[in-house]
Every structure is written in structure tokens, then in C-alpha cells.
Amino acid sequence: MRTTVILPDELYRQAKAAAHGMDRTFTSFLEEAVRRELARREASTDTPEFQIVPYSPPEGRRGTVPGVDLTNKEQIQDILDEDDFTVQRIRAHQRAQR
């Protein structure tokens, strides 16, 4: 397929010089560059965009609860609900003492 590509002058000169240095045509150089970029993007979608790194709190600070599976949202929700209940009981006790 034939198409027109508009490049900044400096980029065109660099690509043309690189193709010449590799004894290739400008077209084949661009074709390989586009294929390489598409393959790189496809490969990067196969890997997660982020990694979960275990948290280590500073000394003297609380961190995660041992035995809690951070990938189990039901378990985490149960712990949060339990913690909310505990906080509510403490606040109610404090109000009663006033």
C-alpha cells in the first residue's frame, strides 16, 4: 500500500541516514521500525502495567495484618467491616463516659 508520511525535517534526516548506514531503503527502514514498535506494544500488553510490592511500614508504625490475603477482597471487606464495628464501639464507650 502506498501512503504519505509527514515527518519533522530532523527526524526524516536521522531516519534517512540510519537507513543509508544499514544499506537499506528508507521505506524498508520505516517498515521495520513500525513493526518493531507494534510488537513492543503488543508484548507490553501481555504484562501487567503495575506490580504489587509488599508494604513494609516504618519501625513503630502499623502495617498489614499477618495472614491477610491482599488479593481476597471479601476477606479485606470483612476486616474493614469488623474494624468499623470496633471503632463504633470505642466511640460509643467514650460518649458514655462523658
PDB file of N, CA and C in Angstrom:
ATOM      1  N   MET A   1       0.850  -1.172   0.000  1.00  0.00           N
ATOM      2  CA  MET A   1       0.000   0.000   0.000  1.00  0.00           C
ATOM      3  C   MET A   1       0.895   1.234   0.000  1.00  0.00           C
ATOM      4  N   ARG A   2       0.485   2.205  -0.709  1.00  0.00           N
ATOM      5  CA  ARG A   2       1.253   3.448  -0.800  1.00  0.00           C
ATOM      6  C   ARG A   2       0.570   4.499   0.061  1.00  0.00           C
ATOM      7  N   THR A   3       1.371   5.227   0.843  1.00  0.00           N
ATOM      8  CA  THR A   3       0.820   6.271   1.699  1.00  0.00           C
ATOM      9  C   THR A   3       1.834   7.399   1.831  1.00  0.00           C
ATOM     10  N   THR A   4       1.385   8.517   2.334  1.00  0.00           N
ATOM     11  CA  THR A   4       2.269   9.659   2.567  1.00  0.00           C
ATOM     12  C   THR A   4       2.444   9.818   4.067  1.00  0.00           C
ATOM     13  N   VAL A   5       3.691   9.972   4.470  1.00  0.00           N
ATOM     14  CA  VAL A   5       4.002  10.180   5.881  1.00  0.00           C
ATOM     15  C   VAL A   5       4.679  11.535   6.001  1.00  0.00           C
ATOM     16  N   ILE A   6       4.188  12.353   6.921  1.00  0.00           N
ATOM     17  CA  ILE A   6       4.780  13.665   7.128  1.00  0.00           C
ATOM     18  C   ILE A   6       5.597  13.604   8.412  1.00  0.00           C
ATOM     19  N   LEU A   7       6.898  13.855   8.289  1.00  0.00           N
ATOM     20  CA  LEU A   7       7.817  13.802   9.425  1.00  0.00           C
ATOM     21  C   LEU A   7       8.493  15.147   9.608  1.00  0.00           C
ATOM     22  N   PRO A   8       8.864  15.456  10.840  1.00  0.00           N
ATOM     23  CA  PRO A   8       9.676  16.652  11.041  1.00  0.00           C
ATOM     24  C   PRO A   8      10.999  16.486  10.270  1.00  0.00           C
ATOM     25  N   ASP A   9      11.544  17.582   9.769  1.00  0.00           N
ATOM     26  CA  ASP A   9      12.752  17.528   8.940  1.00  0.00           C
ATOM     27  C   ASP A   9      13.896  16.772   9.617  1.00  0.00           C
ATOM     28  N   GLU A  10      14.144  17.069  10.875  1.00  0.00           N
ATOM     29  CA  GLU A  10      15.268  16.443  11.570  1.00  0.00           C
ATOM     30  C   GLU A  10      15.066  14.934  11.713  1.00  0.00           C
ATOM     31  N   LEU A  11      13.850  14.509  12.023  1.00  0.00           N
ATOM     32  CA  LEU A  11      13.567  13.084  12.149  1.00  0.00           C
ATOM     33  C   LEU A  11      13.751  12.388  10.796  1.00  0.00           C
ATOM     34  N   TYR A  12      13.287  13.035   9.730  1.00  0.00           N
ATOM     35  CA  TYR A  12      13.465  12.473   8.401  1.00  0.00           C
ATOM     36  C   TYR A  12      14.954  12.297   8.080  1.00  0.00           C
ATOM     37  N   ARG A  13      15.751  13.323   8.379  1.00  0.00           N
ATOM     38  CA  ARG A  13      17.189  13.224   8.099  1.00  0.00           C
ATOM     39  C   ARG A  13      17.846  12.102   8.899  1.00  0.00           C
ATOM     40  N   GLN A  14      17.461  11.988  10.174  1.00  0.00           N
ATOM     41  CA  GLN A  14      18.040  10.924  11.003  1.00  0.00           C
ATOM     42  C   GLN A  14      17.647   9.540  10.492  1.00  0.00           C
ATOM     43  N   ALA A  15      16.394   9.361  10.143  1.00  0.00           N
ATOM     44  CA  ALA A  15      15.931   8.064   9.650  1.00  0.00           C
ATOM     45  C   ALA A  15      16.569   7.734   8.306  1.00  0.00           C
ATOM     46  N   LYS A  16      16.655   8.725   7.451  1.00  0.00           N
ATOM     47  CA  LYS A  16      17.268   8.516   6.125  1.00  0.00           C
ATOM     48  C   LYS A  16      18.739   8.116   6.288  1.00  0.00           C
ATOM     49  N   ALA A  17      19.463   8.803   7.183  1.00  0.00           N
ATOM     50  CA  ALA A  17      20.878   8.488   7.406  1.00  0.00           C
ATOM     51  C   ALA A  17      21.023   7.088   8.001  1.00  0.00           C
ATOM     52  N   ALA A  18      20.133   6.734   8.927  1.00  0.00           N
ATOM     53  CA  ALA A  18      20.189   5.396   9.531  1.00  0.00           C
ATOM     54  C   ALA A  18      19.926   4.328   8.483  1.00  0.00           C
ATOM     55  N   ALA A  19      18.950   4.540   7.641  1.00  0.00           N
ATOM     56  CA  ALA A  19      18.656   3.570   6.580  1.00  0.00           C
ATOM     57  C   ALA A  19      19.844   3.445   5.633  1.00  0.00           C
ATOM     58  N   HIS A  20      20.437   4.563   5.262  1.00  0.00           N
ATOM     59  CA  HIS A  20      21.608   4.552   4.363  1.00  0.00           C
ATOM     60  C   HIS A  20      22.777   3.803   5.024  1.00  0.00           C
ATOM     61  N   GLY A  21      22.975   4.055   6.322  1.00  0.00           N
ATOM     62  CA  GLY A  21      24.063   3.393   7.045  1.00  0.00           C
ATOM     63  C   GLY A  21      23.866   1.888   7.139  1.00  0.00           C
ATOM     64  N   MET A  22      22.634   1.438   7.023  1.00  0.00           N
ATOM     65  CA  MET A  22      22.335   0.000   7.084  1.00  0.00           C
ATOM     66  C   MET A  22      22.181  -0.582   5.681  1.00  0.00           C
ATOM     67  N   ASP A  23      22.458   0.252   4.680  1.00  0.00           N
ATOM     68  CA  ASP A  23      22.329  -0.149   3.276  1.00  0.00           C
ATOM     69  C   ASP A  23      20.918  -0.665   2.970  1.00  0.00           C
ATOM     70  N   ARG A  24      19.940   0.121   3.432  1.00  0.00           N
ATOM     71  CA  ARG A  24      18.541  -0.231   3.229  1.00  0.00           C
ATOM     72  C   ARG A  24      17.814   0.953   2.632  1.00  0.00           C
ATOM     73  N   THR A  25      16.641   0.671   2.106  1.00  0.00           N
ATOM     74  CA  THR A  25      15.817   1.766   1.605  1.00  0.00           C
ATOM     75  C   THR A  25      15.130   2.434   2.792  1.00  0.00           C
ATOM     76  N   PHE A  26      14.751   3.669   2.587  1.00  0.00           N
ATOM     77  CA  PHE A  26      14.044   4.411   3.620  1.00  0.00           C
ATOM     78  C   PHE A  26      12.731   3.694   3.954  1.00  0.00           C
ATOM     79  N   THR A  27      12.050   3.194   2.929  1.00  0.00           N
ATOM     80  CA  THR A  27      10.774   2.502   3.127  1.00  0.00           C
ATOM     81  C   THR A  27      10.947   1.257   3.990  1.00  0.00           C
ATOM     82  N   SER A  28      11.959   0.442   3.691  1.00  0.00           N
ATOM     83  CA  SER A  28      12.143  -0.779   4.482  1.00  0.00           C
ATOM     84  C   SER A  28      12.553  -0.447   5.919  1.00  0.00           C
ATOM     85  N   PHE A  29      13.309   0.642   6.076  1.00  0.00           N
ATOM     86  CA  PHE A  29      13.691   1.079   7.414  1.00  0.00           C
ATOM     87  C   PHE A  29      12.448   1.477   8.213  1.00  0.00           C
ATOM     88  N   LEU A  30      11.564   2.274   7.620  1.00  0.00           N
ATOM     89  CA  LEU A  30      10.329   2.677   8.303  1.00  0.00           C
ATOM     90  C   LEU A  30       9.429   1.481   8.590  1.00  0.00           C
ATOM     91  N   GLU A  31       9.352   0.577   7.633  1.00  0.00           N
ATOM     92  CA  GLU A  31       8.515  -0.613   7.818  1.00  0.00           C
ATOM     93  C   GLU A  31       8.989  -1.415   9.034  1.00  0.00           C
ATOM     94  N   GLU A  32      10.294  -1.632   9.133  1.00  0.00           N
ATOM     95  CA  GLU A  32      10.824  -2.384  10.262  1.00  0.00           C
ATOM     96  C   GLU A  32      10.593  -1.634  11.578  1.00  0.00           C
ATOM     97  N   ALA A  33      10.775  -0.323  11.560  1.00  0.00           N
ATOM     98  CA  ALA A  33      10.586   0.475  12.773  1.00  0.00           C
ATOM     99  C   ALA A  33       9.132   0.397  13.248  1.00  0.00           C
ATOM    100  N   VAL A  34       8.193   0.471  12.338  1.00  0.00           N
ATOM    101  CA  VAL A  34       6.774   0.398  12.703  1.00  0.00           C
ATOM    102  C   VAL A  34       6.447  -0.999  13.227  1.00  0.00           C
ATOM    103  N   ARG A  35       6.939  -2.046  12.557  1.00  0.00           N
ATOM    104  CA  ARG A  35       6.693  -3.419  13.020  1.00  0.00           C
ATOM    105  C   ARG A  35       7.274  -3.643  14.419  1.00  0.00           C
ATOM    106  N   ARG A  36       8.489  -3.145  14.637  1.00  0.00           N
ATOM    107  CA  ARG A  36       9.138  -3.304  15.935  1.00  0.00           C
ATOM    108  C   ARG A  36       8.323  -2.604  17.030  1.00  0.00           C
ATOM    109  N   GLU A  37       7.858  -1.402  16.747  1.00  0.00           N
ATOM    110  CA  GLU A  37       7.069  -0.658  17.731  1.00  0.00           C
ATOM    111  C   GLU A  37       5.747  -1.364  18.023  1.00  0.00           C
ATOM    112  N   LEU A  38       5.087  -1.868  16.998  1.00  0.00           N
ATOM    113  CA  LEU A  38       3.829  -2.591  17.210  1.00  0.00           C
ATOM    114  C   LEU A  38       4.050  -3.862  18.027  1.00  0.00           C
ATOM    115  N   ALA A  39       5.121  -4.584  17.746  1.00  0.00           N
ATOM    116  CA  ALA A  39       5.439  -5.798  18.512  1.00  0.00           C
ATOM    117  C   ALA A  39       5.744  -5.445  19.966  1.00  0.00           C
ATOM    118  N   ARG A  40       6.470  -4.351  20.179  1.00  0.00           N
ATOM    119  CA  ARG A  40       6.798  -3.927  21.534  1.00  0.00           C
ATOM    120  C   ARG A  40       5.525  -3.592  22.309  1.00  0.00           C
ATOM    121  N   ARG A  41       4.618  -2.901  21.665  1.00  0.00           N
ATOM    122  CA  ARG A  41       3.365  -2.530  22.335  1.00  0.00           C
ATOM    123  C   ARG A  41       2.520  -3.761  22.641  1.00  0.00           C
ATOM    124  N   GLU A  42       2.490  -4.702  21.706  1.00  0.00           N
ATOM    125  CA  GLU A  42       1.731  -5.932  21.931  1.00  0.00           C
ATOM    126  C   GLU A  42       2.331  -6.724  23.085  1.00  0.00           C
ATOM    127  N   ALA A  43       3.647  -6.792  23.143  1.00  0.00           N
ATOM    128  CA  ALA A  43       4.315  -7.521  24.224  1.00  0.00           C
ATOM    129  C   ALA A  43       4.060  -6.836  25.564  1.00  0.00           C
ATOM    130  N   SER A  44       3.997  -5.520  25.569  1.00  0.00           N
ATOM    131  CA  SER A  44       3.806  -4.809  26.835  1.00  0.00           C
ATOM    132  C   SER A  44       2.384  -4.972  27.357  1.00  0.00           C
ATOM    133  N   THR A  45       1.417  -5.300  26.511  1.00  0.00           N
ATOM    134  CA  THR A  45       0.056  -5.524  26.987  1.00  0.00           C
ATOM    135  C   THR A  45      -0.083  -6.893  27.617  1.00  0.00           C
ATOM    136  N   ASP A  46       0.872  -7.795  27.373  1.00  0.00           N
ATOM    137  CA  ASP A  46       0.849  -9.124  27.977  1.00  0.00           C
ATOM    138  C   ASP A  46       1.301  -9.092  29.430  1.00  0.00           C
ATOM    139  N   THR A  47       2.007  -8.050  29.820  1.00  0.00           N
ATOM    140  CA  THR A  47       2.494  -7.944  31.191  1.00  0.00           C
ATOM    141  C   THR A  47       1.661  -6.900  31.923  1.00  0.00           C
ATOM    142  N   PRO A  48       1.502  -7.057  33.217  1.00  0.00           N
ATOM    143  CA  PRO A  48       0.712  -6.063  33.954  1.00  0.00           C
ATOM    144  C   PRO A  48       1.387  -4.702  33.915  1.00  0.00           C
ATOM    145  N   GLU A  49       0.557  -3.662  33.972  1.00  0.00           N
ATOM    146  CA  GLU A  49       1.085  -2.302  33.932  1.00  0.00           C
ATOM    147  C   GLU A  49       1.719  -1.914  35.258  1.00  0.00           C
ATOM    148  N   PHE A  50       1.450  -2.678  36.299  1.00  0.00           N
ATOM    149  CA  PHE A  50       1.999  -2.367  37.605  1.00  0.00           C
ATOM    150  C   PHE A  50       2.290  -3.668  38.337  1.00  0.00           C
ATOM    151  N   GLN A  51       3.076  -3.573  39.355  1.00  0.00           N
ATOM    152  CA  GLN A  51       3.358  -4.719  40.194  1.00  0.00           C
ATOM    153  C   GLN A  51       2.984  -4.373  41.630  1.00  0.00           C
ATOM    154  N   ILE A  52       2.489  -5.367  42.342  1.00  0.00           N
ATOM    155  CA  ILE A  52       2.173  -5.166  43.747  1.00  0.00           C
ATOM    156  C   ILE A  52       3.437  -5.465  44.542  1.00  0.00           C
ATOM    157  N   VAL A  53       3.882  -4.481  45.280  1.00  0.00           N
ATOM    158  CA  VAL A  53       5.076  -4.623  46.098  1.00  0.00           C
ATOM    159  C   VAL A  53       4.641  -4.681  47.548  1.00  0.00           C
ATOM    160  N   PRO A  54       5.074  -5.703  48.285  1.00  0.00           N
ATOM    161  CA  PRO A  54       4.677  -5.776  49.693  1.00  0.00           C
ATOM    162  C   PRO A  54       5.078  -4.509  50.439  1.00  0.00           C
ATOM    163  N   TYR A  55       4.190  -4.055  51.303  1.00  0.00           N
ATOM    164  CA  TYR A  55       4.434  -2.838  52.066  1.00  0.00           C
ATOM    165  C   TYR A  55       5.131  -3.191  53.370  1.00  0.00           C
ATOM    166  N   SER A  56       6.187  -2.504  53.673  1.00  0.00           N
ATOM    167  CA  SER A  56       6.875  -2.641  54.953  1.00  0.00           C
ATOM    168  C   SER A  56       6.795  -1.296  55.657  1.00  0.00           C
ATOM    169  N   PRO A  57       6.009  -1.223  56.724  1.00  0.00           N
ATOM    170  CA  PRO A  57       5.854   0.061  57.394  1.00  0.00           C
ATOM    171  C   PRO A  57       7.132   0.463  58.114  1.00  0.00           C
ATOM    172  N   PRO A  58       7.326   1.751  58.318  1.00  0.00           N
ATOM    173  CA  PRO A  58       8.472   2.212  59.109  1.00  0.00           C
ATOM    174  C   PRO A  58       8.380   1.647  60.523  1.00  0.00           C
ATOM    175  N   GLU A  59       9.503   1.535  61.178  1.00  0.00           N
ATOM    176  CA  GLU A  59       9.526   0.983  62.528  1.00  0.00           C
ATOM    177  C   GLU A  59       8.607   1.782  63.448  1.00  0.00           C
ATOM    178  N   GLY A  60       7.847   1.058  64.233  1.00  0.00           N
ATOM    179  CA  GLY A  60       6.930   1.707  65.157  1.00  0.00           C
ATOM    180  C   GLY A  60       5.569   2.005  64.560  1.00  0.00           C
ATOM    181  N   ARG A  61       5.383   1.740  63.278  1.00  0.00           N
ATOM    182  CA  ARG A  61       4.103   2.000  62.600  1.00  0.00           C
ATOM    183  C   ARG A  61       3.409   0.683  62.295  1.00  0.00           C
ATOM    184  N   ARG A  62       2.106   0.713  62.201  1.00  0.00           N
ATOM    185  CA  ARG A  62       1.353  -0.497  61.872  1.00  0.00           C
ATOM    186  C   ARG A  62       1.392  -0.750  60.380  1.00  0.00           C
ATOM    187  N   GLY A  63       1.363  -1.975  60.011  1.00  0.00           N
ATOM    188  CA  GLY A  63       1.337  -2.356  58.604  1.00  0.00           C
ATOM    189  C   GLY A  63       0.149  -3.263  58.331  1.00  0.00           C
ATOM    190  N   THR A  64       0.298  -4.147  57.397  1.00  0.00           N
ATOM    191  CA  THR A  64      -0.781  -5.080  57.099  1.00  0.00           C
ATOM    192  C   THR A  64      -0.861  -6.132  58.192  1.00  0.00           C
ATOM    193  N   VAL A  65      -2.018  -6.730  58.308  1.00  0.00           N
ATOM    194  CA  VAL A  65      -2.246  -7.753  59.319  1.00  0.00           C
ATOM    195  C   VAL A  65      -1.700  -9.078  58.798  1.00  0.00           C
ATOM    196  N   PRO A  66      -0.865  -9.768  59.582  1.00  0.00           N
ATOM    197  CA  PRO A  66      -0.345 -11.062  59.120  1.00  0.00           C
ATOM    198  C   PRO A  66      -1.480 -12.023  58.812  1.00  0.00           C
ATOM    199  N   GLY A  67      -1.336 -12.765  57.749  1.00  0.00           N
ATOM    200  CA  GLY A  67      -2.338 -13.755  57.369  1.00  0.00           C
ATOM    201  C   GLY A  67      -3.444 -13.217  56.497  1.00  0.00           C
ATOM    202  N   VAL A  68      -3.436 -11.945  56.189  1.00  0.00           N
ATOM    203  CA  VAL A  68      -4.474 -11.362  55.335  1.00  0.00           C
ATOM    204  C   VAL A  68      -4.028 -11.454  53.890  1.00  0.00           C
ATOM    205  N   ASP A  69      -4.873 -12.051  53.059  1.00  0.00           N
ATOM    206  CA  ASP A  69      -4.592 -12.169  51.637  1.00  0.00           C
ATOM    207  C   ASP A  69      -5.065 -10.884  50.955  1.00  0.00           C
ATOM    208  N   LEU A  70      -4.125 -10.056  50.533  1.00  0.00           N
ATOM    209  CA  LEU A  70      -4.485  -8.752  49.956  1.00  0.00           C
ATOM    210  C   LEU A  70      -5.160  -8.863  48.600  1.00  0.00           C
ATOM    211  N   THR A  71      -5.192 -10.066  48.032  1.00  0.00           N
ATOM    212  CA  THR A  71      -5.887 -10.251  46.758  1.00  0.00           C
ATOM    213  C   THR A  71      -7.314 -10.772  46.969  1.00  0.00           C
ATOM    214  N   ASN A  72      -7.697 -10.998  48.228  1.00  0.00           N
ATOM    215  CA  ASN A  72      -9.027 -11.512  48.552  1.00  0.00           C
ATOM    216  C   ASN A  72      -9.892 -10.359  49.061  1.00  0.00           C
ATOM    217  N   LYS A  73     -10.680  -9.780  48.161  1.00  0.00           N
ATOM    218  CA  LYS A  73     -11.434  -8.583  48.535  1.00  0.00           C
ATOM    219  C   LYS A  73     -12.515  -8.867  49.576  1.00  0.00           C
ATOM    220  N   GLU A  74     -13.071 -10.085  49.585  1.00  0.00           N
ATOM    221  CA  GLU A  74     -14.076 -10.412  50.584  1.00  0.00           C
ATOM    222  C   GLU A  74     -13.452 -10.417  51.984  1.00  0.00           C
ATOM    223  N   GLN A  75     -12.265 -11.007  52.106  1.00  0.00           N
ATOM    224  CA  GLN A  75     -11.574 -11.051  53.389  1.00  0.00           C
ATOM    225  C   GLN A  75     -11.244  -9.635  53.868  1.00  0.00           C
ATOM    226  N   ILE A  76     -10.768  -8.806  52.966  1.00  0.00           N
ATOM    227  CA  ILE A  76     -10.433  -7.427  53.327  1.00  0.00           C
ATOM    228  C   ILE A  76     -11.689  -6.669  53.756  1.00  0.00           C
ATOM    229  N   GLN A  77     -12.791  -6.868  53.031  1.00  0.00           N
ATOM    230  CA  GLN A  77     -14.036  -6.187  53.392  1.00  0.00           C
ATOM    231  C   GLN A  77     -14.519  -6.632  54.767  1.00  0.00           C
ATOM    232  N   ASP A  78     -14.392  -7.932  55.053  1.00  0.00           N
ATOM    233  CA  ASP A  78     -14.784  -8.427  56.377  1.00  0.00           C
ATOM    234  C   ASP A  78     -13.960  -7.748  57.469  1.00  0.00           C
ATOM    235  N   ILE A  79     -12.659  -7.615  57.239  1.00  0.00           N
ATOM    236  CA  ILE A  79     -11.784  -6.970  58.225  1.00  0.00           C
ATOM    237  C   ILE A  79     -12.154  -5.500  58.396  1.00  0.00           C
ATOM    238  N   LEU A  80     -12.428  -4.826  57.271  1.00  0.00           N
ATOM    239  CA  LEU A  80     -12.819  -3.411  57.356  1.00  0.00           C
ATOM    240  C   LEU A  80     -14.137  -3.259  58.095  1.00  0.00           C
ATOM    241  N   ASP A  81     -15.099  -4.148  57.801  1.00  0.00           N
ATOM    242  CA  ASP A  81     -16.387  -4.083  58.487  1.00  0.00           C
ATOM    243  C   ASP A  81     -16.206  -4.322  59.980  1.00  0.00           C
ATOM    244  N   GLU A  82     -15.360  -5.311  60.325  1.00  0.00           N
ATOM    245  CA  GLU A  82     -15.088  -5.602  61.722  1.00  0.00           C
ATOM    246  C   GLU A  82     -14.424  -4.410  62.403  1.00  0.00           C
ATOM    247  N   ASP A  83     -13.489  -3.782  61.706  1.00  0.00           N
ATOM    248  CA  ASP A  83     -12.799  -2.623  62.259  1.00  0.00           C
ATOM    249  C   ASP A  83     -13.773  -1.469  62.455  1.00  0.00           C
ATOM    250  N   ASP A  84     -14.686  -1.257  61.506  1.00  0.00           N
ATOM    251  CA  ASP A  84     -15.695  -0.205  61.657  1.00  0.00           C
ATOM    252  C   ASP A  84     -16.534  -0.463  62.900  1.00  0.00           C
ATOM    253  N   PHE A  85     -16.907  -1.735  63.122  1.00  0.00           N
ATOM    254  CA  PHE A  85     -17.703  -2.093  64.295  1.00  0.00           C
ATOM    255  C   PHE A  85     -16.926  -1.794  65.572  1.00  0.00           C
ATOM    256  N   THR A  86     -15.636  -2.150  65.577  1.00  0.00           N
ATOM    257  CA  THR A  86     -14.792  -1.893  66.746  1.00  0.00           C
ATOM    258  C   THR A  86     -14.693  -0.397  67.023  1.00  0.00           C
ATOM    259  N   VAL A  87     -14.472   0.385  65.992  1.00  0.00           N
ATOM    260  CA  VAL A  87     -14.367   1.840  66.145  1.00  0.00           C
ATOM    261  C   VAL A  87     -15.679   2.399  66.676  1.00  0.00           C
ATOM    262  N   GLN A  88     -16.796   1.913  66.172  1.00  0.00           N
ATOM    263  CA  GLN A  88     -18.094   2.386  66.644  1.00  0.00           C
ATOM    264  C   GLN A  88     -18.295   2.072  68.127  1.00  0.00           C
ATOM    265  N   ARG A  89     -17.869   0.880  68.553  1.00  0.00           N
ATOM    266  CA  ARG A  89     -17.996   0.505  69.962  1.00  0.00           C
ATOM    267  C   ARG A  89     -17.128   1.403  70.846  1.00  0.00           C
ATOM    268  N   ILE A  90     -15.900   1.686  70.405  1.00  0.00           N
ATOM    269  CA  ILE A  90     -15.000   2.551  71.180  1.00  0.00           C
ATOM    270  C   ILE A  90     -15.593   3.944  71.310  1.00  0.00           C
ATOM    271  N   ARG A  91     -16.101   4.490  70.211  1.00  0.00           N
ATOM    272  CA  ARG A  91     -16.686   5.841  70.244  1.00  0.00           C
ATOM    273  C   ARG A  91     -17.917   5.888  71.144  1.00  0.00           C
ATOM    274  N   ALA A  92     -18.740   4.834  71.073  1.00  0.00           N
ATOM    275  CA  ALA A  92     -19.931   4.787  71.918  1.00  0.00           C
ATOM    276  C   ALA A  92     -19.523   4.734  73.392  1.00  0.00           C
ATOM    277  N   HIS A  93     -18.504   3.964  73.687  1.00  0.00           N
ATOM    278  CA  HIS A  93     -17.998   3.869  75.060  1.00  0.00           C
ATOM    279  C   HIS A  93     -17.471   5.227  75.530  1.00  0.00           C
ATOM    280  N   GLN A  94     -16.732   5.927  74.654  1.00  0.00           N
ATOM    281  CA  GLN A  94     -16.197   7.242  75.020  1.00  0.00           C
ATOM    282  C   GLN A  94     -17.320   8.238  75.262  1.00  0.00           C
ATOM    283  N   ARG A  95     -18.355   8.217  74.462  1.00  0.00           N
ATOM    284  CA  ARG A  95     -19.500   9.122  74.643  1.00  0.00           C
ATOM    285  C   ARG A  95     -20.209   8.827  75.952  1.00  0.00           C
ATOM    286  N   ALA A  96     -20.308   7.550  76.270  1.00  0.00           N
ATOM    287  CA  ALA A  96     -20.991   7.156  77.515  1.00  0.00           C
ATOM    288  C   ALA A  96     -20.239   7.618  78.735  1.00  0.00           C
ATOM    289  N   GLN A  97     -18.920   7.723  78.645  1.00  0.00           N
ATOM    290  CA  GLN A  97     -18.115   8.152  79.784  1.00  0.00           C
ATOM    291  C   GLN A  97     -18.153   9.658  79.998  1.00  0.00           C
ATOM    292  N   ARG A  98     -18.579  10.422  79.043  1.00  0.00           N
ATOM    293  CA  ARG A  98     -18.609  11.885  79.167  1.00  0.00           C
ATOM    294  C   ARG A  98     -19.723  12.350  80.054  1.00  0.00           C
TER     295      ARG A  98
END
